[in-house]
Amino acid sequence: MLTNGGCPKTALSIKDALEAVEGRWKLLILFSLSGGSKRFKQLSKEVPGITDKTLSKELKNLEGNKLITRRVYDTFPPTVEYTITDHGKSLENVLEALHYWGLAHRAVVIEK
């Protein structure tokens, strides 16, 4: 188990991690991409409630953090696919832990 022990580097690393995945949508996008490469419209359908403008912004941010890659195919109209990187895949255990924690949280707090 990770303990703080007053170490500023621990706080800084947690801050960095949270900034990379902060917000309402990034983890859901990563979860969707963990199933394989997707086009923009596929992601839009798999992340319910997200607007196209927000999805575009979040994809650029995830790409900037090297969590996903964007590949443009030379077609007309251009085809763009998004893929989770190995760095992004390293969050799979975090996503799984959040999934199980969310189930427990729902049982304790939401569905009491």
Protein backbone atom coordinates (compact mmCIF):
# COMPACT_ATOMS: atom_id res chain seq x y z
CA MET A 1 0.00 0.00 0.00
CA LEU A 2 1.24 3.46 -0.89
CA THR A 3 1.76 5.76 2.05
CA ASN A 4 2.52 9.44 1.91
CA GLY A 5 5.12 9.69 4.66
CA GLY A 6 5.28 13.43 3.98
CA CYS A 7 6.98 12.93 0.62
CA PRO A 8 6.30 15.84 -1.77
CA LYS A 9 7.28 13.65 -4.74
CA THR A 10 4.39 11.30 -3.94
CA ALA A 11 1.94 14.18 -3.93
CA LEU A 12 3.43 15.52 -7.17
CA SER A 13 3.15 12.17 -8.95
CA ILE A 14 -0.49 11.80 -7.89
CA LYS A 15 -1.16 15.37 -9.06
CA ASP A 16 0.43 14.57 -12.45
CA ALA A 17 -1.66 11.40 -12.79
CA LEU A 18 -4.89 13.18 -11.91
CA GLU A 19 -4.18 15.99 -14.37
CA ALA A 20 -3.64 13.45 -17.18
CA VAL A 21 -7.05 11.81 -16.64
CA GLU A 22 -9.03 14.53 -14.88
CA GLY A 23 -12.54 15.40 -15.87
CA ARG A 24 -15.74 13.64 -16.63
CA TRP A 25 -14.82 12.00 -19.92
CA LYS A 26 -11.18 10.93 -20.24
CA LEU A 27 -11.42 7.65 -18.35
CA LEU A 28 -14.59 6.72 -20.25
CA ILE A 29 -12.84 7.43 -23.56
CA LEU A 30 -9.85 5.32 -22.50
CA PHE A 31 -12.19 2.53 -21.40
CA SER A 32 -13.89 2.61 -24.81
CA LEU A 33 -10.54 2.52 -26.62
CA SER A 34 -9.34 -0.39 -24.49
CA GLY A 35 -11.60 -2.53 -26.69
CA GLY A 36 -9.66 -1.55 -29.82
CA SER A 37 -9.22 1.32 -32.26
CA LYS A 38 -12.27 3.47 -32.89
CA ARG A 39 -13.36 6.26 -35.17
CA PHE A 40 -14.72 9.54 -33.83
CA LYS A 41 -18.40 8.66 -34.34
CA GLN A 42 -17.93 5.26 -32.70
CA LEU A 43 -16.47 6.97 -29.65
CA SER A 44 -19.26 9.52 -29.67
CA LYS A 45 -21.81 6.68 -29.47
CA GLU A 46 -19.91 4.72 -26.80
CA VAL A 47 -19.48 7.70 -24.48
CA PRO A 48 -23.09 8.74 -23.91
CA GLY A 49 -23.76 12.39 -23.22
CA ILE A 50 -20.51 13.78 -24.61
CA THR A 51 -20.75 16.50 -27.25
CA ASP A 52 -18.64 16.35 -30.41
CA LYS A 53 -16.83 19.54 -29.35
CA THR A 54 -15.94 18.09 -25.94
CA LEU A 55 -14.93 14.73 -27.42
CA SER A 56 -12.61 16.47 -29.85
CA LYS A 57 -11.03 18.51 -27.04
CA GLU A 58 -10.59 15.48 -24.78
CA LEU A 59 -9.07 13.39 -27.58
CA LYS A 60 -6.49 16.13 -28.25
CA ASN A 61 -5.67 16.26 -24.55
CA LEU A 62 -5.30 12.47 -24.29
CA GLU A 63 -3.09 12.51 -27.37
CA GLY A 64 -0.96 15.27 -25.83
CA ASN A 65 -0.50 13.10 -22.74
CA LYS A 66 0.58 10.18 -24.97
CA LEU A 67 -2.36 8.05 -23.79
CA ILE A 68 -3.82 7.67 -27.29
CA THR A 69 -2.65 8.04 -30.88
CA ARG A 70 -4.50 9.52 -33.81
CA ARG A 71 -4.06 8.02 -37.26
CA VAL A 72 -5.37 9.73 -40.38
CA TYR A 73 -5.92 7.56 -43.46
CA ASP A 74 -5.58 9.01 -46.94
CA THR A 75 -9.20 8.52 -48.01
CA PHE A 76 -11.99 10.81 -49.07
CA PRO A 77 -13.39 11.92 -46.77
CA PRO A 78 -10.42 11.42 -44.45
CA THR A 79 -10.74 8.52 -42.03
CA VAL A 80 -9.36 9.05 -38.54
CA GLU A 81 -8.84 6.30 -35.96
CA TYR A 82 -7.91 6.63 -32.32
CA THR A 83 -5.95 3.92 -30.52
CA ILE A 84 -4.88 3.56 -26.92
CA THR A 85 -1.08 3.56 -26.52
CA ASP A 86 0.95 1.20 -24.35
CA HIS A 87 1.23 4.09 -21.90
CA GLY A 88 -2.57 4.39 -21.92
CA LYS A 89 -2.96 0.63 -21.50
CA SER A 90 -0.97 0.91 -18.29
CA LEU A 91 -4.15 2.46 -16.81
CA GLU A 92 -6.19 -0.74 -17.36
CA ASN A 93 -5.72 -1.86 -13.74
CA VAL A 94 -6.81 1.58 -12.56
CA LEU A 95 -9.93 1.42 -14.75
CA GLU A 96 -10.74 -2.06 -13.48
CA ALA A 97 -10.28 -0.95 -9.86
CA LEU A 98 -12.53 2.07 -10.47
CA HIS A 99 -15.14 -0.20 -12.03
CA TYR A 100 -15.29 -2.45 -8.97
CA TRP A 101 -15.14 0.47 -6.56
CA GLY A 102 -18.02 2.10 -8.48
CA LEU A 103 -20.11 -1.07 -8.14
CA ALA A 104 -19.49 -1.14 -4.39
CA HIS A 105 -20.14 2.60 -4.08
CA ARG A 106 -23.43 2.24 -5.96
CA ALA A 107 -24.51 -0.55 -3.60
CA VAL A 108 -23.58 1.41 -0.45
CA VAL A 109 -24.57 4.95 -1.34
CA ILE A 110 -26.77 5.11 -4.41
CA GLU A 111 -28.99 2.01 -4.16
CA LYS A 112 -29.41 1.87 -0.39
